[in-house]
Amino acid sequence: MKSSKRWVAAILGATVASCGGGNPSTPVPVATPSPVVVATPTPTPAPTPTPEPSPEGEPPVERVTPPVRITLRLFVVEDGRGGVYQYRETPEGLPLIPVGYYFRLDIIAKDSKNKETRGSGEVIWHWDGDLIDEDNLNNIYHPRLRARRDGKFCAVAELDKILSNELCTEFRYQ
């Protein structure tokens, strides 16, 4: 029993000595490393490519199969400053376009498989030239016209001997 007491006393003594003894000690401040500022280069922005000018209106499709039908529609009405004009309609349902305003027509030709086609590309427009000025015919499928004077204006497009629906509008002075 005496030897076991000595062993316990030796272990307790070693434990107390390893903890710094029985005396409390003052804490020693630990130095914290300060962050190091590293300069990183600012990435150079990639140059913005200059957009290529696009053709007037929508580009024609690539198919050249013969059309079986053509749909003609009023695409947009523009005021003289380039803004889009929300047109009204007559009681008969005709779009009212103020004299001096521009408007675009649009045709969509479809082949026997109901796919868009440009056919031969030889579009013939039938309209009253006294009421309009032809402003831009760069894209023959999408002409830009100007209402010159008041009256009822109707147009039909022809492509490869196929006629479109008739589209009528009314031009009025504001």
N, C-alpha and C. Protein backbone atom coordinates (compact mmCIF):
# COMPACT_ATOMS: atom_id res chain seq x y z
N MET A 1 0.80 -1.15 0.00
CA MET A 1 0.00 0.00 0.00
C MET A 1 0.87 1.24 0.00
N LYS A 2 2.00 1.13 0.72
CA LYS A 2 2.88 2.26 0.75
C LYS A 2 3.40 2.57 -0.63
N SER A 3 3.73 1.60 -1.42
CA SER A 3 4.27 1.84 -2.75
C SER A 3 3.22 2.45 -3.66
N SER A 4 1.98 2.09 -3.53
CA SER A 4 0.93 2.66 -4.38
C SER A 4 0.69 4.12 -4.00
N LYS A 5 0.85 4.44 -2.67
CA LYS A 5 0.68 5.82 -2.26
C LYS A 5 1.82 6.66 -2.83
N ARG A 6 3.00 6.08 -2.88
CA ARG A 6 4.11 6.83 -3.44
C ARG A 6 3.90 7.09 -4.93
N TRP A 7 3.42 6.12 -5.60
CA TRP A 7 3.16 6.29 -7.03
C TRP A 7 2.09 7.36 -7.27
N VAL A 8 1.04 7.36 -6.52
CA VAL A 8 -0.02 8.36 -6.67
C VAL A 8 0.55 9.73 -6.35
N ALA A 9 1.37 9.83 -5.28
CA ALA A 9 1.97 11.11 -4.91
C ALA A 9 2.91 11.59 -6.00
N ALA A 10 3.67 10.68 -6.61
CA ALA A 10 4.60 11.04 -7.67
C ALA A 10 3.84 11.54 -8.90
N ILE A 11 2.76 10.90 -9.23
CA ILE A 11 1.97 11.29 -10.42
C ILE A 11 1.33 12.64 -10.17
N LEU A 12 0.76 12.84 -8.96
CA LEU A 12 0.14 14.12 -8.64
C LEU A 12 1.17 15.24 -8.64
N GLY A 13 2.33 14.97 -8.13
CA GLY A 13 3.39 15.97 -8.11
C GLY A 13 3.83 16.33 -9.51
N ALA A 14 3.95 15.34 -10.37
CA ALA A 14 4.35 15.59 -11.75
C ALA A 14 3.29 16.41 -12.47
N THR A 15 2.02 16.12 -12.19
CA THR A 15 0.92 16.83 -12.83
C THR A 15 0.92 18.29 -12.41
N VAL A 16 1.10 18.54 -11.14
CA VAL A 16 1.11 19.91 -10.64
C VAL A 16 2.29 20.65 -11.22
N ALA A 17 3.43 20.02 -11.31
CA ALA A 17 4.63 20.68 -11.83
C ALA A 17 4.46 21.00 -13.31
N SER A 18 3.79 20.10 -14.06
CA SER A 18 3.64 20.34 -15.50
C SER A 18 2.65 21.46 -15.77
N CYS A 19 1.74 21.76 -14.90
CA CYS A 19 0.76 22.82 -15.08
C CYS A 19 1.30 24.14 -14.61
N GLY A 20 2.55 24.19 -14.20
CA GLY A 20 3.11 25.45 -13.74
C GLY A 20 3.06 25.57 -12.24
N GLY A 21 2.81 24.49 -11.61
CA GLY A 21 2.77 24.50 -10.16
C GLY A 21 1.43 25.00 -9.69
N GLY A 22 1.38 25.26 -8.43
CA GLY A 22 0.13 25.69 -7.86
C GLY A 22 -0.06 27.19 -7.95
N ASN A 23 0.95 27.93 -8.37
CA ASN A 23 0.83 29.38 -8.45
C ASN A 23 0.17 29.80 -9.76
N PRO A 24 -0.81 30.69 -9.67
CA PRO A 24 -1.40 31.17 -10.93
C PRO A 24 -0.41 32.05 -11.65
N SER A 25 -0.42 31.96 -12.95
CA SER A 25 0.50 32.78 -13.74
C SER A 25 -0.29 33.80 -14.55
N THR A 26 0.34 34.87 -14.93
CA THR A 26 -0.33 35.89 -15.74
C THR A 26 -0.26 35.45 -17.20
N PRO A 27 -1.33 35.69 -17.91
CA PRO A 27 -1.31 35.27 -19.32
C PRO A 27 -0.32 36.09 -20.12
N VAL A 28 0.34 35.42 -21.02
CA VAL A 28 1.31 36.07 -21.90
C VAL A 28 0.59 36.42 -23.19
N PRO A 29 0.61 37.68 -23.62
CA PRO A 29 -0.08 38.02 -24.87
C PRO A 29 0.58 37.35 -26.06
N VAL A 30 -0.27 36.84 -26.92
CA VAL A 30 0.22 36.17 -28.13
C VAL A 30 0.12 37.17 -29.27
N ALA A 31 1.17 37.31 -30.01
CA ALA A 31 1.16 38.25 -31.13
C ALA A 31 0.36 37.67 -32.28
N THR A 32 -0.60 38.46 -32.77
CA THR A 32 -1.38 38.01 -33.93
C THR A 32 -0.76 38.63 -35.17
N PRO A 33 -0.60 37.84 -36.18
CA PRO A 33 0.02 38.40 -37.39
C PRO A 33 -0.92 39.41 -38.06
N SER A 34 -0.40 40.53 -38.51
CA SER A 34 -1.23 41.52 -39.21
C SER A 34 -1.32 41.11 -40.68
N PRO A 35 -2.48 41.36 -41.29
CA PRO A 35 -2.63 40.95 -42.69
C PRO A 35 -1.68 41.74 -43.59
N VAL A 36 -1.19 41.06 -44.58
CA VAL A 36 -0.27 41.67 -45.53
C VAL A 36 -1.07 42.06 -46.76
N VAL A 37 -0.97 43.31 -47.17
CA VAL A 37 -1.68 43.80 -48.35
C VAL A 37 -0.84 43.47 -49.57
N VAL A 38 -1.48 42.76 -50.49
CA VAL A 38 -0.80 42.39 -51.73
C VAL A 38 -1.54 43.08 -52.86
N ALA A 39 -0.86 43.86 -53.65
CA ALA A 39 -1.48 44.55 -54.77
C ALA A 39 -1.72 43.56 -55.91
N THR A 40 -2.97 43.55 -56.37
CA THR A 40 -3.30 42.70 -57.53
C THR A 40 -3.65 43.62 -58.69
N PRO A 41 -3.19 43.31 -59.86
CA PRO A 41 -3.47 44.18 -61.01
C PRO A 41 -4.95 44.14 -61.38
N THR A 42 -5.49 45.28 -61.78
CA THR A 42 -6.87 45.36 -62.23
C THR A 42 -6.93 44.81 -63.65
N PRO A 43 -7.87 43.87 -63.91
CA PRO A 43 -7.93 43.33 -65.27
C PRO A 43 -8.38 44.42 -66.26
N THR A 44 -7.78 44.41 -67.41
CA THR A 44 -8.12 45.35 -68.46
C THR A 44 -9.37 44.85 -69.16
N PRO A 45 -10.43 45.67 -69.27
CA PRO A 45 -11.64 45.19 -69.94
C PRO A 45 -11.38 44.96 -71.43
N ALA A 46 -12.04 43.92 -71.93
CA ALA A 46 -11.89 43.61 -73.36
C ALA A 46 -12.58 44.70 -74.17
N PRO A 47 -12.02 45.09 -75.29
CA PRO A 47 -12.67 46.13 -76.10
C PRO A 47 -14.00 45.62 -76.65
N THR A 48 -14.98 46.51 -76.65
CA THR A 48 -16.30 46.16 -77.17
C THR A 48 -16.25 46.25 -78.69
N PRO A 49 -16.64 45.18 -79.38
CA PRO A 49 -16.58 45.23 -80.84
C PRO A 49 -17.64 46.19 -81.37
N THR A 50 -17.30 46.88 -82.44
CA THR A 50 -18.24 47.78 -83.09
C THR A 50 -19.23 46.94 -83.88
N PRO A 51 -20.55 47.12 -83.61
CA PRO A 51 -21.51 46.30 -84.34
C PRO A 51 -21.54 46.65 -85.82
N GLU A 52 -21.71 45.64 -86.61
CA GLU A 52 -21.81 45.83 -88.05
C GLU A 52 -23.18 46.39 -88.37
N PRO A 53 -23.29 47.29 -89.31
CA PRO A 53 -24.61 47.79 -89.67
C PRO A 53 -25.47 46.67 -90.24
N SER A 54 -26.72 46.65 -89.83
CA SER A 54 -27.62 45.59 -90.31
C SER A 54 -28.46 46.13 -91.46
N PRO A 55 -28.92 45.24 -92.32
CA PRO A 55 -29.76 45.70 -93.42
C PRO A 55 -31.08 46.23 -92.89
N GLU A 56 -31.71 47.07 -93.69
CA GLU A 56 -32.98 47.68 -93.30
C GLU A 56 -34.04 46.61 -93.16
N GLY A 57 -34.70 46.55 -92.00
CA GLY A 57 -35.77 45.58 -91.78
C GLY A 57 -35.23 44.19 -91.50
N GLU A 58 -36.10 43.21 -91.63
CA GLU A 58 -35.72 41.83 -91.39
C GLU A 58 -35.05 41.25 -92.64
N PRO A 59 -33.99 40.48 -92.47
CA PRO A 59 -33.34 39.90 -93.65
C PRO A 59 -34.23 38.82 -94.25
N PRO A 60 -34.19 38.69 -95.56
CA PRO A 60 -34.99 37.64 -96.19
C PRO A 60 -34.48 36.25 -95.81
N VAL A 61 -35.37 35.28 -95.85
CA VAL A 61 -34.99 33.90 -95.55
C VAL A 61 -34.20 33.32 -96.72
N GLU A 62 -33.59 32.17 -96.51
CA GLU A 62 -32.72 31.57 -97.52
C GLU A 62 -33.45 30.64 -98.49
N ARG A 63 -34.60 30.09 -98.09
CA ARG A 63 -35.31 29.14 -98.97
C ARG A 63 -35.78 29.84 -100.23
N VAL A 64 -35.68 29.17 -101.34
CA VAL A 64 -36.12 29.74 -102.62
C VAL A 64 -37.20 28.88 -103.28
N THR A 65 -37.89 28.09 -102.49
CA THR A 65 -38.98 27.27 -103.04
C THR A 65 -40.13 28.17 -103.46
N PRO A 66 -40.95 27.72 -104.42
CA PRO A 66 -42.06 28.57 -104.90
C PRO A 66 -43.10 28.80 -103.80
N PRO A 67 -43.57 30.02 -103.66
CA PRO A 67 -44.59 30.29 -102.65
C PRO A 67 -45.96 29.79 -103.10
N VAL A 68 -46.78 29.43 -102.13
CA VAL A 68 -48.17 29.06 -102.42
C VAL A 68 -49.13 30.09 -101.81
N ARG A 69 -48.64 30.89 -100.85
CA ARG A 69 -49.43 31.98 -100.29
C ARG A 69 -48.51 33.06 -99.74
N ILE A 70 -49.05 34.27 -99.69
CA ILE A 70 -48.30 35.43 -99.19
C ILE A 70 -49.20 36.19 -98.23
N THR A 71 -48.69 36.50 -97.07
CA THR A 71 -49.43 37.29 -96.09
C THR A 71 -48.82 38.68 -96.03
N LEU A 72 -49.66 39.70 -96.24
CA LEU A 72 -49.24 41.10 -96.17
C LEU A 72 -49.81 41.70 -94.89
N ARG A 73 -48.98 42.41 -94.16
CA ARG A 73 -49.44 43.04 -92.92
C ARG A 73 -48.80 44.42 -92.76
N LEU A 74 -49.45 45.25 -91.93
CA LEU A 74 -48.88 46.54 -91.54
C LEU A 74 -47.94 46.24 -90.38
N PHE A 75 -46.66 46.47 -90.59
CA PHE A 75 -45.67 46.10 -89.59
C PHE A 75 -45.56 47.14 -88.48
N VAL A 76 -45.40 48.42 -88.85
CA VAL A 76 -45.25 49.47 -87.84
C VAL A 76 -45.58 50.82 -88.47
N VAL A 77 -46.02 51.76 -87.63
CA VAL A 77 -46.22 53.15 -88.04
C VAL A 77 -45.25 53.98 -87.20
N GLU A 78 -44.54 54.89 -87.86
CA GLU A 78 -43.53 55.71 -87.17
C GLU A 78 -43.87 57.18 -87.34
N ASP A 79 -43.69 57.96 -86.27
CA ASP A 79 -43.88 59.41 -86.40
C ASP A 79 -42.67 59.99 -87.11
N GLY A 80 -42.69 61.24 -87.42
CA GLY A 80 -41.60 61.86 -88.17
C GLY A 80 -40.29 61.94 -87.41
N ARG A 81 -40.30 61.64 -86.10
CA ARG A 81 -39.07 61.71 -85.29
C ARG A 81 -38.46 60.33 -85.03
N GLY A 82 -38.98 59.30 -85.66
CA GLY A 82 -38.43 57.95 -85.50
C GLY A 82 -39.08 57.13 -84.41
N GLY A 83 -40.06 57.69 -83.70
CA GLY A 83 -40.75 56.94 -82.65
C GLY A 83 -41.88 56.10 -83.22
N VAL A 84 -42.23 55.05 -82.52
CA VAL A 84 -43.34 54.19 -82.94
C VAL A 84 -44.65 54.87 -82.57
N TYR A 85 -45.57 54.90 -83.52
CA TYR A 85 -46.87 55.55 -83.33
C TYR A 85 -47.94 54.47 -83.15
N GLN A 86 -48.68 54.57 -82.05
CA GLN A 86 -49.77 53.62 -81.80
C GLN A 86 -51.00 54.13 -82.54
N TYR A 87 -51.27 53.55 -83.69
CA TYR A 87 -52.35 54.05 -84.53
C TYR A 87 -53.72 53.58 -84.02
N ARG A 88 -54.73 54.33 -84.41
CA ARG A 88 -56.12 53.96 -84.13
C ARG A 88 -56.71 53.34 -85.38
N GLU A 89 -57.95 52.91 -85.30
CA GLU A 89 -58.63 52.33 -86.45
C GLU A 89 -59.94 53.05 -86.72
N THR A 90 -60.36 53.01 -87.98
CA THR A 90 -61.66 53.56 -88.35
C THR A 90 -62.74 52.60 -87.86
N PRO A 91 -64.01 53.01 -87.89
CA PRO A 91 -65.08 52.08 -87.52
C PRO A 91 -65.10 50.81 -88.39
N GLU A 92 -64.57 50.91 -89.60
CA GLU A 92 -64.49 49.73 -90.50
C GLU A 92 -63.29 48.85 -90.19
N GLY A 93 -62.43 49.29 -89.26
CA GLY A 93 -61.27 48.49 -88.87
C GLY A 93 -60.01 48.80 -89.65
N LEU A 94 -60.02 49.90 -90.43
CA LEU A 94 -58.81 50.28 -91.18
C LEU A 94 -57.86 51.05 -90.28
N PRO A 95 -56.57 50.74 -90.32
CA PRO A 95 -55.61 51.53 -89.55
C PRO A 95 -55.59 52.98 -90.02
N LEU A 96 -55.59 53.92 -89.09
CA LEU A 96 -55.50 55.35 -89.40
C LEU A 96 -54.05 55.79 -89.27
N ILE A 97 -53.51 56.32 -90.36
CA ILE A 97 -52.12 56.78 -90.36
C ILE A 97 -52.14 58.27 -90.66
N PRO A 98 -51.56 59.09 -89.78
CA PRO A 98 -51.51 60.53 -90.04
C PRO A 98 -50.66 60.84 -91.27
N VAL A 99 -51.11 61.83 -92.05
CA VAL A 99 -50.34 62.27 -93.22
C VAL A 99 -48.98 62.77 -92.74
N GLY A 100 -47.94 62.38 -93.45
CA GLY A 100 -46.57 62.74 -93.10
C GLY A 100 -45.86 61.69 -92.27
N TYR A 101 -46.60 60.71 -91.74
CA TYR A 101 -45.99 59.65 -90.94
C TYR A 101 -45.50 58.53 -91.86
N TYR A 102 -44.52 57.79 -91.37
CA TYR A 102 -43.95 56.66 -92.11
C TYR A 102 -44.60 55.37 -91.64
N PHE A 103 -44.61 54.38 -92.52
CA PHE A 103 -45.12 53.07 -92.13
C PHE A 103 -44.38 52.01 -92.93
N ARG A 104 -44.33 50.83 -92.35
CA ARG A 104 -43.65 49.70 -93.00
C ARG A 104 -44.66 48.59 -93.25
N LEU A 105 -44.59 48.06 -94.44
CA LEU A 105 -45.37 46.87 -94.79
C LEU A 105 -44.44 45.68 -94.68
N ASP A 106 -45.02 44.51 -94.55
CA ASP A 106 -44.22 43.29 -94.41
C ASP A 106 -44.95 42.15 -95.07
N ILE A 107 -44.24 41.38 -95.89
CA ILE A 107 -44.85 40.18 -96.47
C ILE A 107 -44.10 38.95 -95.98
N ILE A 108 -44.86 37.89 -95.79
CA ILE A 108 -44.29 36.58 -95.44
C ILE A 108 -44.83 35.59 -96.45
N ALA A 109 -43.93 35.01 -97.23
CA ALA A 109 -44.32 34.01 -98.23
C ALA A 109 -44.07 32.62 -97.65
N LYS A 110 -45.00 31.70 -97.89
CA LYS A 110 -44.87 30.31 -97.42
C LYS A 110 -44.95 29.37 -98.61
N ASP A 111 -44.19 28.28 -98.52
CA ASP A 111 -44.21 27.28 -99.59
C ASP A 111 -45.21 26.17 -99.28
N SER A 112 -45.23 25.12 -100.09
CA SER A 112 -46.20 24.03 -99.92
C SER A 112 -45.99 23.25 -98.62
N LYS A 113 -44.80 23.36 -98.01
CA LYS A 113 -44.54 22.69 -96.73
C LYS A 113 -44.73 23.64 -95.55
N ASN A 114 -45.35 24.80 -95.81
CA ASN A 114 -45.62 25.83 -94.81
C ASN A 114 -44.33 26.41 -94.21
N LYS A 115 -43.27 26.43 -95.01
CA LYS A 115 -41.99 27.03 -94.59
C LYS A 115 -41.84 28.38 -95.27
N GLU A 116 -41.23 29.34 -94.54
CA GLU A 116 -40.99 30.65 -95.15
C GLU A 116 -40.05 30.51 -96.34
N THR A 117 -40.34 31.26 -97.38
CA THR A 117 -39.53 31.22 -98.59
C THR A 117 -39.42 32.62 -99.17
N ARG A 118 -38.39 32.84 -99.92
CA ARG A 118 -38.28 34.12 -100.63
C ARG A 118 -38.64 33.97 -102.09
N GLY A 119 -38.95 32.76 -102.51
CA GLY A 119 -39.31 32.54 -103.91
C GLY A 119 -38.19 33.02 -104.82
N SER A 120 -38.57 33.66 -105.92
CA SER A 120 -37.57 34.16 -106.86
C SER A 120 -36.94 35.46 -106.37
N GLY A 121 -37.60 36.11 -105.40
CA GLY A 121 -37.10 37.38 -104.90
C GLY A 121 -37.61 38.58 -105.67
N GLU A 122 -38.41 38.35 -106.70
CA GLU A 122 -38.95 39.43 -107.54
C GLU A 122 -40.33 39.83 -107.02
N VAL A 123 -40.37 40.69 -106.01
CA VAL A 123 -41.63 41.15 -105.44
C VAL A 123 -42.13 42.34 -106.25
N ILE A 124 -43.40 42.27 -106.62
CA ILE A 124 -44.04 43.38 -107.33
C ILE A 124 -45.12 43.93 -106.41
N TRP A 125 -45.02 45.22 -106.13
CA TRP A 125 -45.99 45.88 -105.26
C TRP A 125 -47.04 46.58 -106.10
N HIS A 126 -48.29 46.43 -105.72
CA HIS A 126 -49.41 47.11 -106.38
C HIS A 126 -50.02 48.06 -105.36
N TRP A 127 -49.87 49.39 -105.59
CA TRP A 127 -50.44 50.39 -104.70
C TRP A 127 -50.62 51.69 -105.46
N ASP A 128 -51.35 52.61 -104.87
CA ASP A 128 -51.60 53.92 -105.45
C ASP A 128 -50.43 54.83 -105.09
N GLY A 129 -49.57 55.09 -106.05
CA GLY A 129 -48.38 55.89 -105.81
C GLY A 129 -48.65 57.35 -105.56
N ASP A 130 -49.90 57.84 -105.84
CA ASP A 130 -50.22 59.24 -105.60
C ASP A 130 -50.38 59.55 -104.12
N LEU A 131 -50.66 58.56 -103.31
CA LEU A 131 -50.90 58.78 -101.88
C LEU A 131 -49.65 58.62 -101.02
N ILE A 132 -48.60 58.05 -101.57
CA ILE A 132 -47.42 57.72 -100.77
C ILE A 132 -46.13 58.20 -101.41
N ASP A 133 -45.11 58.29 -100.59
CA ASP A 133 -43.73 58.43 -101.05
C ASP A 133 -43.02 57.14 -100.67
N GLU A 134 -42.26 56.60 -101.62
CA GLU A 134 -41.47 55.40 -101.33
C GLU A 134 -40.18 55.86 -100.67
N ASP A 135 -40.09 55.64 -99.36
CA ASP A 135 -38.95 56.13 -98.60
C ASP A 135 -37.75 55.18 -98.68
N ASN A 136 -37.99 53.88 -98.53
CA ASN A 136 -36.88 52.93 -98.51
C ASN A 136 -37.36 51.58 -99.02
N LEU A 137 -36.76 51.13 -100.11
CA LEU A 137 -37.09 49.82 -100.68
C LEU A 137 -35.87 48.90 -100.68
N ASN A 138 -34.92 49.14 -99.75
CA ASN A 138 -33.72 48.29 -99.69
C ASN A 138 -34.08 46.83 -99.45
N ASN A 139 -35.06 46.57 -98.60
CA ASN A 139 -35.55 45.22 -98.39
C ASN A 139 -36.93 45.18 -99.03
N ILE A 140 -37.03 44.58 -100.19
CA ILE A 140 -38.26 44.59 -100.98
C ILE A 140 -39.41 43.88 -100.27
N TYR A 141 -39.11 43.04 -99.31
CA TYR A 141 -40.13 42.34 -98.54
C TYR A 141 -40.67 43.22 -97.40
N HIS A 142 -40.02 44.35 -97.15
CA HIS A 142 -40.29 45.16 -95.95
C HIS A 142 -40.14 46.65 -96.30
N PRO A 143 -40.93 47.18 -97.24
CA PRO A 143 -40.72 48.58 -97.66
C PRO A 143 -41.17 49.59 -96.61
N ARG A 144 -40.48 50.73 -96.60
CA ARG A 144 -40.84 51.85 -95.72
C ARG A 144 -41.41 52.95 -96.60
N LEU A 145 -42.65 53.35 -96.30
CA LEU A 145 -43.38 54.32 -97.10
C LEU A 145 -43.78 55.50 -96.22
N ARG A 146 -44.19 56.62 -96.87
CA ARG A 146 -44.67 57.79 -96.13
C ARG A 146 -46.02 58.20 -96.70
N ALA A 147 -46.98 58.44 -95.81
CA ALA A 147 -48.30 58.92 -96.22
C ALA A 147 -48.15 60.36 -96.72
N ARG A 148 -48.43 60.59 -98.00
CA ARG A 148 -48.23 61.92 -98.60
C ARG A 148 -49.47 62.81 -98.46
N ARG A 149 -50.65 62.25 -98.67
CA ARG A 149 -51.89 63.03 -98.58
C ARG A 149 -53.01 62.13 -98.10
N ASP A 150 -54.15 62.75 -97.74
CA ASP A 150 -55.24 61.97 -97.16
C ASP A 150 -55.95 61.13 -98.23
N GLY A 151 -56.52 60.02 -97.77
CA GLY A 151 -57.26 59.12 -98.65
C GLY A 151 -57.10 57.68 -98.20
N LYS A 152 -57.82 56.82 -98.89
CA LYS A 152 -57.74 55.38 -98.59
C LYS A 152 -56.63 54.77 -99.45
N PHE A 153 -55.74 54.07 -98.79
CA PHE A 153 -54.59 53.45 -99.46
C PHE A 153 -54.70 51.94 -99.33
N CYS A 154 -54.56 51.24 -100.44
CA CYS A 154 -54.57 49.77 -100.43
C CYS A 154 -53.33 49.26 -101.14
N ALA A 155 -52.83 48.13 -100.69
CA ALA A 155 -51.64 47.53 -101.29
C ALA A 155 -51.83 46.02 -101.39
N VAL A 156 -51.20 45.45 -102.42
CA VAL A 156 -51.14 44.00 -102.64
C VAL A 156 -49.72 43.70 -103.11
N ALA A 157 -49.16 42.60 -102.63
CA ALA A 157 -47.83 42.17 -103.07
C ALA A 157 -47.98 40.95 -103.96
N GLU A 158 -47.10 40.86 -104.94
CA GLU A 158 -47.09 39.72 -105.86
C GLU A 158 -45.69 39.14 -105.91
N LEU A 159 -45.63 37.82 -105.79
CA LEU A 159 -44.35 37.11 -105.84
C LEU A 159 -44.56 35.81 -106.59
N ASP A 160 -43.86 35.64 -107.68
CA ASP A 160 -43.96 34.42 -108.50
C ASP A 160 -45.42 34.11 -108.88
N LYS A 161 -46.14 35.15 -109.31
CA LYS A 161 -47.53 35.05 -109.77
C LYS A 161 -48.53 34.71 -108.65
N ILE A 162 -48.09 34.77 -107.40
CA ILE A 162 -48.97 34.56 -106.25
C ILE A 162 -49.24 35.94 -105.65
N LEU A 163 -50.53 36.25 -105.41
CA LEU A 163 -50.92 37.53 -104.84
C LEU A 163 -51.16 37.39 -103.34
N SER A 164 -50.81 38.43 -102.61
CA SER A 164 -51.07 38.47 -101.16
C SER A 164 -52.51 38.91 -100.93
N ASN A 165 -52.88 38.93 -99.67
CA ASN A 165 -54.12 39.57 -99.27
C ASN A 165 -54.01 41.07 -99.54
N GLU A 166 -55.14 41.76 -99.63
CA GLU A 166 -55.13 43.20 -99.79
C GLU A 166 -55.12 43.84 -98.41
N LEU A 167 -54.24 44.81 -98.22
CA LEU A 167 -54.15 45.55 -96.97
C LEU A 167 -54.53 47.00 -97.27
N CYS A 168 -55.53 47.51 -96.55
CA CYS A 168 -55.96 48.90 -96.75
C CYS A 168 -55.78 49.67 -95.44
N THR A 169 -55.42 50.94 -95.60
CA THR A 169 -55.30 51.87 -94.48
C THR A 169 -55.95 53.18 -94.91
N GLU A 170 -56.11 54.07 -93.96
CA GLU A 170 -56.63 55.40 -94.29
C GLU A 170 -55.67 56.44 -93.78
N PHE A 171 -55.30 57.37 -94.68
CA PHE A 171 -54.42 58.48 -94.31
C PHE A 171 -55.30 59.69 -94.00
N ARG A 172 -55.00 60.36 -92.90
CA ARG A 172 -55.76 61.57 -92.52
C ARG A 172 -54.82 62.62 -91.98
N TYR A 173 -55.22 63.89 -92.22
CA TYR A 173 -54.50 65.00 -91.61
C TYR A 173 -54.88 65.04 -90.14
N GLN A 174 -53.92 65.37 -89.30
CA GLN A 174 -54.22 65.44 -87.86
C GLN A 174 -54.72 66.80 -87.50
